[in-house]
Each structure stands twice: as C-alpha cells, then as structure tokens.
All heavy atoms as atom14 arrays in JSON, in Angstrom:
{
  "sequence": "SAAATKAPIAKTADKVAGVFVPFVLAVAAVTAAVWLALGADAGFAL",
  "atom14_mask": [
    [1, 1, 1, 1, 1, 1, 0, 0, 0, 0, 0, 0, 0, 0],
    [1, 1, 1, 1, 1, 0, 0, 0, 0, 0, 0, 0, 0, 0],
    [1, 1, 1, 1, 1, 0, 0, 0, 0, 0, 0, 0, 0, 0],
    [1, 1, 1, 1, 1, 0, 0, 0, 0, 0, 0, 0, 0, 0],
    [1, 1, 1, 1, 1, 1, 1, 0, 0, 0, 0, 0, 0, 0],
    [1, 1, 1, 1, 1, 1, 1, 1, 1, 0, 0, 0, 0, 0],
    [1, 1, 1, 1, 1, 0, 0, 0, 0, 0, 0, 0, 0, 0],
    [1, 1, 1, 1, 1, 1, 1, 0, 0, 0, 0, 0, 0, 0],
    [1, 1, 1, 1, 1, 1, 1, 1, 0, 0, 0, 0, 0, 0],
    [1, 1, 1, 1, 1, 0, 0, 0, 0, 0, 0, 0, 0, 0],
    [1, 1, 1, 1, 1, 1, 1, 1, 1, 0, 0, 0, 0, 0],
    [1, 1, 1, 1, 1, 1, 1, 0, 0, 0, 0, 0, 0, 0],
    [1, 1, 1, 1, 1, 0, 0, 0, 0, 0, 0, 0, 0, 0],
    [1, 1, 1, 1, 1, 1, 1, 1, 0, 0, 0, 0, 0, 0],
    [1, 1, 1, 1, 1, 1, 1, 1, 1, 0, 0, 0, 0, 0],
    [1, 1, 1, 1, 1, 1, 1, 0, 0, 0, 0, 0, 0, 0],
    [1, 1, 1, 1, 1, 0, 0, 0, 0, 0, 0, 0, 0, 0],
    [1, 1, 1, 1, 0, 0, 0, 0, 0, 0, 0, 0, 0, 0],
    [1, 1, 1, 1, 1, 1, 1, 0, 0, 0, 0, 0, 0, 0],
    [1, 1, 1, 1, 1, 1, 1, 1, 1, 1, 1, 0, 0, 0],
    [1, 1, 1, 1, 1, 1, 1, 0, 0, 0, 0, 0, 0, 0],
    [1, 1, 1, 1, 1, 1, 1, 0, 0, 0, 0, 0, 0, 0],
    [1, 1, 1, 1, 1, 1, 1, 1, 1, 1, 1, 0, 0, 0],
    [1, 1, 1, 1, 1, 1, 1, 0, 0, 0, 0, 0, 0, 0],
    [1, 1, 1, 1, 1, 1, 1, 1, 0, 0, 0, 0, 0, 0],
    [1, 1, 1, 1, 1, 0, 0, 0, 0, 0, 0, 0, 0, 0],
    [1, 1, 1, 1, 1, 1, 1, 0, 0, 0, 0, 0, 0, 0],
    [1, 1, 1, 1, 1, 0, 0, 0, 0, 0, 0, 0, 0, 0],
    [1, 1, 1, 1, 1, 0, 0, 0, 0, 0, 0, 0, 0, 0],
    [1, 1, 1, 1, 1, 1, 1, 0, 0, 0, 0, 0, 0, 0],
    [1, 1, 1, 1, 1, 1, 1, 0, 0, 0, 0, 0, 0, 0],
    [1, 1, 1, 1, 1, 0, 0, 0, 0, 0, 0, 0, 0, 0],
    [1, 1, 1, 1, 1, 0, 0, 0, 0, 0, 0, 0, 0, 0],
    [1, 1, 1, 1, 1, 1, 1, 0, 0, 0, 0, 0, 0, 0],
    [1, 1, 1, 1, 1, 1, 1, 1, 1, 1, 1, 1, 1, 1],
    [1, 1, 1, 1, 1, 1, 1, 1, 0, 0, 0, 0, 0, 0],
    [1, 1, 1, 1, 1, 0, 0, 0, 0, 0, 0, 0, 0, 0],
    [1, 1, 1, 1, 1, 1, 1, 1, 0, 0, 0, 0, 0, 0],
    [1, 1, 1, 1, 0, 0, 0, 0, 0, 0, 0, 0, 0, 0],
    [1, 1, 1, 1, 1, 0, 0, 0, 0, 0, 0, 0, 0, 0],
    [1, 1, 1, 1, 1, 1, 1, 1, 0, 0, 0, 0, 0, 0],
    [1, 1, 1, 1, 1, 0, 0, 0, 0, 0, 0, 0, 0, 0],
    [1, 1, 1, 1, 0, 0, 0, 0, 0, 0, 0, 0, 0, 0],
    [1, 1, 1, 1, 1, 1, 1, 1, 1, 1, 1, 0, 0, 0],
    [1, 1, 1, 1, 1, 0, 0, 0, 0, 0, 0, 0, 0, 0],
    [1, 1, 1, 1, 1, 1, 1, 1, 0, 0, 0, 0, 0, 0]
  ],
  "atom14_positions": [
    [[90.97, 101.8, 107.8], [90.28, 100.63, 108.35], [89.52, 100.99, 109.62], [88.43, 100.48, 109.87], [91.3, 99.51, 108.63], [91.88, 99.05, 107.43], [0.0, 0.0, 0.0], [0.0, 0.0, 0.0], [0.0, 0.0, 0.0], [0.0, 0.0, 0.0], [0.0, 0.0, 0.0], [0.0, 0.0, 0.0], [0.0, 0.0, 0.0], [0.0, 0.0, 0.0]],
    [[90.1, 101.88, 110.42], [89.42, 102.31, 111.64], [88.12, 103.04, 111.31], [87.13, 102.93, 112.03], [90.33, 103.23, 112.45], [0.0, 0.0, 0.0], [0.0, 0.0, 0.0], [0.0, 0.0, 0.0], [0.0, 0.0, 0.0], [0.0, 0.0, 0.0], [0.0, 0.0, 0.0], [0.0, 0.0, 0.0], [0.0, 0.0, 0.0], [0.0, 0.0, 0.0]],
    [[88.12, 103.75, 110.17], [86.91, 104.48, 109.77], [85.88, 103.57, 109.13], [84.68, 103.79, 109.24], [87.28, 105.6, 108.8], [0.0, 0.0, 0.0], [0.0, 0.0, 0.0], [0.0, 0.0, 0.0], [0.0, 0.0, 0.0], [0.0, 0.0, 0.0], [0.0, 0.0, 0.0], [0.0, 0.0, 0.0], [0.0, 0.0, 0.0], [0.0, 0.0, 0.0]],
    [[86.36, 102.52, 108.43], [85.44, 101.68, 107.65], [84.9, 100.5, 108.43], [83.86, 99.94, 108.08], [86.15, 101.18, 106.4], [0.0, 0.0, 0.0], [0.0, 0.0, 0.0], [0.0, 0.0, 0.0], [0.0, 0.0, 0.0], [0.0, 0.0, 0.0], [0.0, 0.0, 0.0], [0.0, 0.0, 0.0], [0.0, 0.0, 0.0], [0.0, 0.0, 0.0]],
    [[85.59, 100.07, 109.47], [85.13, 98.92, 110.25], [84.42, 99.4, 111.51], [84.51, 100.57, 111.88], [86.3, 98.0, 110.62], [87.28, 98.77, 111.32], [86.95, 97.42, 109.37], [0.0, 0.0, 0.0], [0.0, 0.0, 0.0], [0.0, 0.0, 0.0], [0.0, 0.0, 0.0], [0.0, 0.0, 0.0], [0.0, 0.0, 0.0], [0.0, 0.0, 0.0]],
    [[83.75, 98.49, 112.14], [82.91, 98.87, 113.28], [83.43, 98.28, 114.59], [83.86, 97.14, 114.64], [81.47, 98.38, 113.08], [80.72, 99.09, 111.98], [79.27, 98.63, 112.0], [78.46, 99.4, 110.98], [78.82, 99.03, 109.61], [0.0, 0.0, 0.0], [0.0, 0.0, 0.0], [0.0, 0.0, 0.0], [0.0, 0.0, 0.0], [0.0, 0.0, 0.0]],
    [[83.33, 99.09, 115.63], [83.55, 98.59, 116.98], [82.28, 97.85, 117.41], [81.21, 98.04, 116.84], [83.84, 99.75, 117.93], [0.0, 0.0, 0.0], [0.0, 0.0, 0.0], [0.0, 0.0, 0.0], [0.0, 0.0, 0.0], [0.0, 0.0, 0.0], [0.0, 0.0, 0.0], [0.0, 0.0, 0.0], [0.0, 0.0, 0.0], [0.0, 0.0, 0.0]],
    [[82.37, 96.99, 118.43], [81.18, 96.25, 118.88], [80.0, 97.16, 119.21], [78.86, 96.84, 118.89], [81.7, 95.51, 120.12], [83.15, 95.3, 119.85], [83.6, 96.53, 119.11], [0.0, 0.0, 0.0], [0.0, 0.0, 0.0], [0.0, 0.0, 0.0], [0.0, 0.0, 0.0], [0.0, 0.0, 0.0], [0.0, 0.0, 0.0], [0.0, 0.0, 0.0]],
    [[80.26, 98.31, 119.83], [79.15, 99.2, 120.2], [78.48, 99.77, 118.97], [77.26, 100.0, 118.94], [79.65, 100.35, 121.12], [78.49, 101.17, 121.66], [80.64, 101.23, 120.4], [77.55, 100.39, 122.53], [0.0, 0.0, 0.0], [0.0, 0.0, 0.0], [0.0, 0.0, 0.0], [0.0, 0.0, 0.0], [0.0, 0.0, 0.0], [0.0, 0.0, 0.0]],
    [[79.27, 99.99, 117.88], [78.68, 100.5, 116.64], [77.78, 99.44, 116.0], [76.74, 99.76, 115.42], [79.79, 100.91, 115.67], [0.0, 0.0, 0.0], [0.0, 0.0, 0.0], [0.0, 0.0, 0.0], [0.0, 0.0, 0.0], [0.0, 0.0, 0.0], [0.0, 0.0, 0.0], [0.0, 0.0, 0.0], [0.0, 0.0, 0.0], [0.0, 0.0, 0.0]],
    [[78.19, 98.18, 116.08], [77.36, 97.1, 115.55], [76.04, 97.01, 116.32], [74.99, 96.75, 115.73], [78.12, 95.77, 115.62], [79.35, 95.72, 114.71], [80.07, 94.38, 114.82], [81.28, 94.34, 113.9], [82.02, 93.05, 114.01], [0.0, 0.0, 0.0], [0.0, 0.0, 0.0], [0.0, 0.0, 0.0], [0.0, 0.0, 0.0], [0.0, 0.0, 0.0]],
    [[76.12, 97.23, 117.63], [74.9, 97.22, 118.43], [73.96, 98.35, 118.02], [72.74, 98.15, 117.9], [75.25, 97.37, 119.93], [76.12, 96.29, 120.32], [74.0, 97.35, 120.79], [0.0, 0.0, 0.0], [0.0, 0.0, 0.0], [0.0, 0.0, 0.0], [0.0, 0.0, 0.0], [0.0, 0.0, 0.0], [0.0, 0.0, 0.0], [0.0, 0.0, 0.0]],
    [[74.53, 99.53, 117.78], [73.71, 100.67, 117.35], [73.02, 100.38, 116.02], [71.86, 100.73, 115.81], [74.59, 101.93, 117.22], [0.0, 0.0, 0.0], [0.0, 0.0, 0.0], [0.0, 0.0, 0.0], [0.0, 0.0, 0.0], [0.0, 0.0, 0.0], [0.0, 0.0, 0.0], [0.0, 0.0, 0.0], [0.0, 0.0, 0.0], [0.0, 0.0, 0.0]],
    [[73.74, 99.72, 115.1], [73.15, 99.39, 113.8], [72.02, 98.37, 113.93], [71.03, 98.42, 113.2], [74.23, 98.86, 112.85], [75.17, 99.97, 112.36], [74.81, 101.15, 112.56], [76.22, 99.66, 111.79], [0.0, 0.0, 0.0], [0.0, 0.0, 0.0], [0.0, 0.0, 0.0], [0.0, 0.0, 0.0], [0.0, 0.0, 0.0], [0.0, 0.0, 0.0]],
    [[72.18, 97.43, 114.86], [71.1, 96.45, 115.08], [69.85, 97.14, 115.6], [68.73, 96.83, 115.18], [71.57, 95.38, 116.08], [72.61, 94.41, 115.52], [73.03, 93.39, 116.57], [74.07, 92.42, 116.02], [74.51, 91.44, 117.05], [0.0, 0.0, 0.0], [0.0, 0.0, 0.0], [0.0, 0.0, 0.0], [0.0, 0.0, 0.0], [0.0, 0.0, 0.0]],
    [[70.05, 98.09, 116.51], [68.9, 98.84, 117.03], [68.23, 99.63, 115.91], [67.0, 99.65, 115.78], [69.35, 99.79, 118.16], [68.21, 100.71, 118.58], [69.86, 98.99, 119.37], [0.0, 0.0, 0.0], [0.0, 0.0, 0.0], [0.0, 0.0, 0.0], [0.0, 0.0, 0.0], [0.0, 0.0, 0.0], [0.0, 0.0, 0.0], [0.0, 0.0, 0.0]],
    [[69.05, 100.27, 115.07], [68.51, 101.09, 113.97], [67.72, 100.24, 112.99], [66.77, 100.72, 112.36], [69.64, 101.82, 113.26], [0.0, 0.0, 0.0], [0.0, 0.0, 0.0], [0.0, 0.0, 0.0], [0.0, 0.0, 0.0], [0.0, 0.0, 0.0], [0.0, 0.0, 0.0], [0.0, 0.0, 0.0], [0.0, 0.0, 0.0], [0.0, 0.0, 0.0]],
    [[68.11, 98.99, 112.82], [67.44, 98.12, 111.87], [65.98, 97.86, 112.21], [65.16, 97.62, 111.31], [0.0, 0.0, 0.0], [0.0, 0.0, 0.0], [0.0, 0.0, 0.0], [0.0, 0.0, 0.0], [0.0, 0.0, 0.0], [0.0, 0.0, 0.0], [0.0, 0.0, 0.0], [0.0, 0.0, 0.0], [0.0, 0.0, 0.0], [0.0, 0.0, 0.0]],
    [[65.64, 97.92, 113.48], [64.23, 97.67, 113.9], [63.58, 98.93, 114.45], [62.41, 98.93, 114.81], [64.18, 96.55, 114.97], [64.7, 95.25, 114.41], [64.97, 96.95, 116.22], [0.0, 0.0, 0.0], [0.0, 0.0, 0.0], [0.0, 0.0, 0.0], [0.0, 0.0, 0.0], [0.0, 0.0, 0.0], [0.0, 0.0, 0.0], [0.0, 0.0, 0.0]],
    [[64.36, 100.02, 114.49], [63.88, 101.24, 115.14], [62.72, 101.86, 114.38], [61.71, 102.25, 114.97], [65.04, 102.23, 115.26], [64.71, 103.44, 116.09], [64.81, 103.39, 117.46], [64.3, 104.62, 115.5], [64.51, 104.49, 118.24], [64.0, 105.72, 116.26], [64.11, 105.66, 117.63], [0.0, 0.0, 0.0], [0.0, 0.0, 0.0], [0.0, 0.0, 0.0]],
    [[62.87, 101.99, 113.05], [61.85, 102.7, 112.25], [60.5, 101.99, 112.3], [59.48, 102.63, 112.56], [62.34, 102.87, 110.8], [61.24, 103.48, 109.94], [63.58, 103.77, 110.77], [0.0, 0.0, 0.0], [0.0, 0.0, 0.0], [0.0, 0.0, 0.0], [0.0, 0.0, 0.0], [0.0, 0.0, 0.0], [0.0, 0.0, 0.0], [0.0, 0.0, 0.0]],
    [[60.43, 100.66, 112.06], [59.12, 99.99, 112.18], [58.51, 100.15, 113.57], [57.3, 100.32, 113.7], [59.45, 98.52, 111.88], [60.69, 98.57, 111.06], [61.47, 99.72, 111.6], [0.0, 0.0, 0.0], [0.0, 0.0, 0.0], [0.0, 0.0, 0.0], [0.0, 0.0, 0.0], [0.0, 0.0, 0.0], [0.0, 0.0, 0.0], [0.0, 0.0, 0.0]],
    [[59.36, 100.13, 114.59], [58.88, 100.29, 115.96], [58.27, 101.68, 116.16], [57.19, 101.83, 116.75], [60.03, 100.08, 116.95], [59.65, 100.3, 118.4], [58.91, 99.35, 119.08], [60.03, 101.45, 119.06], [58.55, 99.55, 120.41], [59.67, 101.66, 120.38], [58.93, 100.7, 121.06], [0.0, 0.0, 0.0], [0.0, 0.0, 0.0], [0.0, 0.0, 0.0]],
    [[58.93, 102.72, 115.64], [58.42, 104.08, 115.78], [57.11, 104.24, 115.02], [56.17, 104.89, 115.51], [59.46, 105.1, 115.26], [58.85, 106.5, 115.16], [60.67, 105.13, 116.19], [0.0, 0.0, 0.0], [0.0, 0.0, 0.0], [0.0, 0.0, 0.0], [0.0, 0.0, 0.0], [0.0, 0.0, 0.0], [0.0, 0.0, 0.0], [0.0, 0.0, 0.0]],
    [[57.01, 103.65, 113.84], [55.76, 103.71, 113.08], [54.61, 103.09, 113.87], [53.49, 103.62, 113.89], [55.93, 102.99, 111.74], [56.87, 103.66, 110.72], [57.07, 102.75, 109.51], [56.31, 105.0, 110.28], [0.0, 0.0, 0.0], [0.0, 0.0, 0.0], [0.0, 0.0, 0.0], [0.0, 0.0, 0.0], [0.0, 0.0, 0.0], [0.0, 0.0, 0.0]],
    [[54.9, 101.97, 114.51], [53.87, 101.31, 115.32], [53.47, 102.17, 116.52], [52.27, 102.3, 116.83], [54.38, 99.95, 115.8], [0.0, 0.0, 0.0], [0.0, 0.0, 0.0], [0.0, 0.0, 0.0], [0.0, 0.0, 0.0], [0.0, 0.0, 0.0], [0.0, 0.0, 0.0], [0.0, 0.0, 0.0], [0.0, 0.0, 0.0], [0.0, 0.0, 0.0]],
    [[54.43, 102.78, 117.18], [54.14, 103.63, 118.34], [53.3, 104.84, 117.91], [52.36, 105.23, 118.61], [55.45, 104.09, 119.02], [55.16, 105.15, 120.08], [56.16, 102.9, 119.64], [0.0, 0.0, 0.0], [0.0, 0.0, 0.0], [0.0, 0.0, 0.0], [0.0, 0.0, 0.0], [0.0, 0.0, 0.0], [0.0, 0.0, 0.0], [0.0, 0.0, 0.0]],
    [[53.62, 105.42, 116.76], [52.86, 106.58, 116.27], [51.41, 106.19, 115.98], [50.48, 106.93, 116.31], [53.52, 107.14, 115.01], [0.0, 0.0, 0.0], [0.0, 0.0, 0.0], [0.0, 0.0, 0.0], [0.0, 0.0, 0.0], [0.0, 0.0, 0.0], [0.0, 0.0, 0.0], [0.0, 0.0, 0.0], [0.0, 0.0, 0.0], [0.0, 0.0, 0.0]],
    [[51.21, 105.01, 115.38], [49.85, 104.54, 115.09], [49.08, 104.3, 116.38], [47.9, 104.68, 116.49], [49.92, 103.26, 114.25], [0.0, 0.0, 0.0], [0.0, 0.0, 0.0], [0.0, 0.0, 0.0], [0.0, 0.0, 0.0], [0.0, 0.0, 0.0], [0.0, 0.0, 0.0], [0.0, 0.0, 0.0], [0.0, 0.0, 0.0], [0.0, 0.0, 0.0]],
    [[49.73, 103.69, 117.37], [49.09, 103.45, 118.65], [48.74, 104.77, 119.34], [47.67, 104.91, 119.95], [49.99, 102.58, 119.55], [49.46, 102.52, 120.98], [50.13, 101.18, 118.99], [0.0, 0.0, 0.0], [0.0, 0.0, 0.0], [0.0, 0.0, 0.0], [0.0, 0.0, 0.0], [0.0, 0.0, 0.0], [0.0, 0.0, 0.0], [0.0, 0.0, 0.0]],
    [[49.65, 105.75, 119.24], [49.41, 107.07, 119.85], [48.14, 107.7, 119.29], [47.28, 108.18, 120.05], [50.61, 108.0, 119.6], [51.78, 107.42, 120.17], [50.36, 109.38, 120.21], [0.0, 0.0, 0.0], [0.0, 0.0, 0.0], [0.0, 0.0, 0.0], [0.0, 0.0, 0.0], [0.0, 0.0, 0.0], [0.0, 0.0, 0.0], [0.0, 0.0, 0.0]],
    [[48.03, 107.69, 117.95], [46.83, 108.27, 117.33], [45.58, 107.51, 117.73], [44.54, 108.12, 118.06], [47.0, 108.26, 115.81], [0.0, 0.0, 0.0], [0.0, 0.0, 0.0], [0.0, 0.0, 0.0], [0.0, 0.0, 0.0], [0.0, 0.0, 0.0], [0.0, 0.0, 0.0], [0.0, 0.0, 0.0], [0.0, 0.0, 0.0], [0.0, 0.0, 0.0]],
    [[45.67, 106.18, 117.75], [44.5, 105.36, 118.08], [44.05, 105.59, 119.52], [42.83, 105.69, 119.8], [44.83, 103.88, 117.86], [0.0, 0.0, 0.0], [0.0, 0.0, 0.0], [0.0, 0.0, 0.0], [0.0, 0.0, 0.0], [0.0, 0.0, 0.0], [0.0, 0.0, 0.0], [0.0, 0.0, 0.0], [0.0, 0.0, 0.0], [0.0, 0.0, 0.0]],
    [[44.99, 105.71, 120.44], [44.64, 105.91, 121.85], [43.95, 107.25, 122.05], [42.92, 107.35, 122.75], [45.9, 105.8, 122.74], [45.6, 106.27, 124.16], [46.41, 104.36, 122.76], [0.0, 0.0, 0.0], [0.0, 0.0, 0.0], [0.0, 0.0, 0.0], [0.0, 0.0, 0.0], [0.0, 0.0, 0.0], [0.0, 0.0, 0.0], [0.0, 0.0, 0.0]],
    [[44.48, 108.32, 121.44], [43.86, 109.64, 121.6], [42.46, 109.66, 120.99], [41.54, 110.28, 121.55], [44.73, 110.72, 120.96], [45.87, 111.15, 121.84], [47.2, 110.96, 121.63], [45.77, 111.83, 123.08], [47.95, 111.46, 122.66], [47.09, 112.02, 123.57], [44.69, 112.31, 123.84], [47.35, 112.66, 124.78], [44.95, 112.95, 125.05], [46.28, 113.12, 125.51]],
    [[42.3, 109.01, 119.84], [40.97, 108.95, 119.23], [40.0, 108.18, 120.12], [38.83, 108.55, 120.27], [41.05, 108.3, 117.84], [41.73, 109.13, 116.75], [41.92, 108.3, 115.49], [40.9, 110.38, 116.45], [0.0, 0.0, 0.0], [0.0, 0.0, 0.0], [0.0, 0.0, 0.0], [0.0, 0.0, 0.0], [0.0, 0.0, 0.0], [0.0, 0.0, 0.0]],
    [[40.49, 107.09, 120.73], [39.65, 106.29, 121.62], [39.25, 107.07, 122.87], [38.18, 106.83, 123.44], [40.38, 105.01, 122.01], [0.0, 0.0, 0.0], [0.0, 0.0, 0.0], [0.0, 0.0, 0.0], [0.0, 0.0, 0.0], [0.0, 0.0, 0.0], [0.0, 0.0, 0.0], [0.0, 0.0, 0.0], [0.0, 0.0, 0.0], [0.0, 0.0, 0.0]],
    [[40.12, 108.0, 123.27], [39.83, 108.81, 124.46], [38.92, 109.99, 124.15], [38.63, 110.8, 125.03], [41.14, 109.31, 125.08], [42.04, 108.23, 125.71], [43.35, 108.82, 126.2], [41.31, 107.54, 126.87], [0.0, 0.0, 0.0], [0.0, 0.0, 0.0], [0.0, 0.0, 0.0], [0.0, 0.0, 0.0], [0.0, 0.0, 0.0], [0.0, 0.0, 0.0]],
    [[38.53, 110.11, 122.87], [37.58, 111.15, 122.52], [38.19, 112.4, 121.92], [37.47, 113.39, 121.67], [0.0, 0.0, 0.0], [0.0, 0.0, 0.0], [0.0, 0.0, 0.0], [0.0, 0.0, 0.0], [0.0, 0.0, 0.0], [0.0, 0.0, 0.0], [0.0, 0.0, 0.0], [0.0, 0.0, 0.0], [0.0, 0.0, 0.0], [0.0, 0.0, 0.0]],
    [[39.5, 112.41, 121.69], [40.13, 113.58, 121.09], [39.74, 113.69, 119.63], [39.42, 112.69, 118.98], [41.65, 113.49, 121.22], [0.0, 0.0, 0.0], [0.0, 0.0, 0.0], [0.0, 0.0, 0.0], [0.0, 0.0, 0.0], [0.0, 0.0, 0.0], [0.0, 0.0, 0.0], [0.0, 0.0, 0.0], [0.0, 0.0, 0.0], [0.0, 0.0, 0.0]],
    [[39.76, 114.93, 119.09], [39.43, 115.08, 117.68], [40.6, 114.61, 116.82], [41.72, 114.42, 117.31], [39.05, 116.53, 117.35], [40.17, 117.51, 117.66], [41.28, 117.34, 117.13], [39.92, 118.47, 118.43], [0.0, 0.0, 0.0], [0.0, 0.0, 0.0], [0.0, 0.0, 0.0], [0.0, 0.0, 0.0], [0.0, 0.0, 0.0], [0.0, 0.0, 0.0]],
    [[40.35, 114.46, 115.52], [41.35, 113.9, 114.61], [42.61, 114.75, 114.55], [43.73, 114.23, 114.49], [40.75, 113.73, 113.21], [0.0, 0.0, 0.0], [0.0, 0.0, 0.0], [0.0, 0.0, 0.0], [0.0, 0.0, 0.0], [0.0, 0.0, 0.0], [0.0, 0.0, 0.0], [0.0, 0.0, 0.0], [0.0, 0.0, 0.0], [0.0, 0.0, 0.0]],
    [[42.44, 116.08, 114.55], [43.6, 116.96, 114.48], [44.52, 116.81, 115.67], [45.74, 116.77, 115.54], [0.0, 0.0, 0.0], [0.0, 0.0, 0.0], [0.0, 0.0, 0.0], [0.0, 0.0, 0.0], [0.0, 0.0, 0.0], [0.0, 0.0, 0.0], [0.0, 0.0, 0.0], [0.0, 0.0, 0.0], [0.0, 0.0, 0.0], [0.0, 0.0, 0.0]],
    [[43.93, 116.69, 116.87], [44.73, 116.53, 118.09], [45.48, 115.2, 118.07], [46.69, 115.15, 118.38], [43.79, 116.59, 119.31], [44.51, 116.6, 120.63], [44.95, 117.78, 121.19], [44.73, 115.41, 121.32], [45.61, 117.79, 122.41], [45.39, 115.4, 122.53], [45.83, 116.6, 123.08], [0.0, 0.0, 0.0], [0.0, 0.0, 0.0], [0.0, 0.0, 0.0]],
    [[44.79, 114.14, 117.7], [45.43, 112.82, 117.64], [46.53, 112.8, 116.59], [47.62, 112.24, 116.81], [44.38, 111.74, 117.32], [0.0, 0.0, 0.0], [0.0, 0.0, 0.0], [0.0, 0.0, 0.0], [0.0, 0.0, 0.0], [0.0, 0.0, 0.0], [0.0, 0.0, 0.0], [0.0, 0.0, 0.0], [0.0, 0.0, 0.0], [0.0, 0.0, 0.0]],
    [[46.28, 113.44, 115.46], [47.27, 113.49, 114.39], [48.5, 114.27, 114.82], [49.64, 113.88, 114.53], [46.66, 114.14, 113.15], [47.5, 114.16, 111.88], [47.72, 112.75, 111.37], [46.83, 115.01, 110.81], [0.0, 0.0, 0.0], [0.0, 0.0, 0.0], [0.0, 0.0, 0.0], [0.0, 0.0, 0.0], [0.0, 0.0, 0.0], [0.0, 0.0, 0.0]]
  ]
}
C-alpha cells in the first residue's frame, strides 16, 4: 500500500506533470518564434 498510494507531495508532483508537457511545448514554440523575430536563421532558432 505504501508503494501503490501517494503521499501529498507525490500528488502535487503529478498535478504539475499533468500540465507540464503542454507548457513546455508552448515555451519551445515561443523560443523559436522569438529567435526568428530577432533575425536568427531557421537552424539557430530550431
């Protein structure tokens, strides 16, 4: 039961993970867009 159930801190980590991936995808897209806007070539931004 100790292995299968979660402590409160583990539940918090899972909540963060649930929104983490979409957030990272958005940050990556913004990163590429900002570098392109600053005049960097596509390879550098990518």
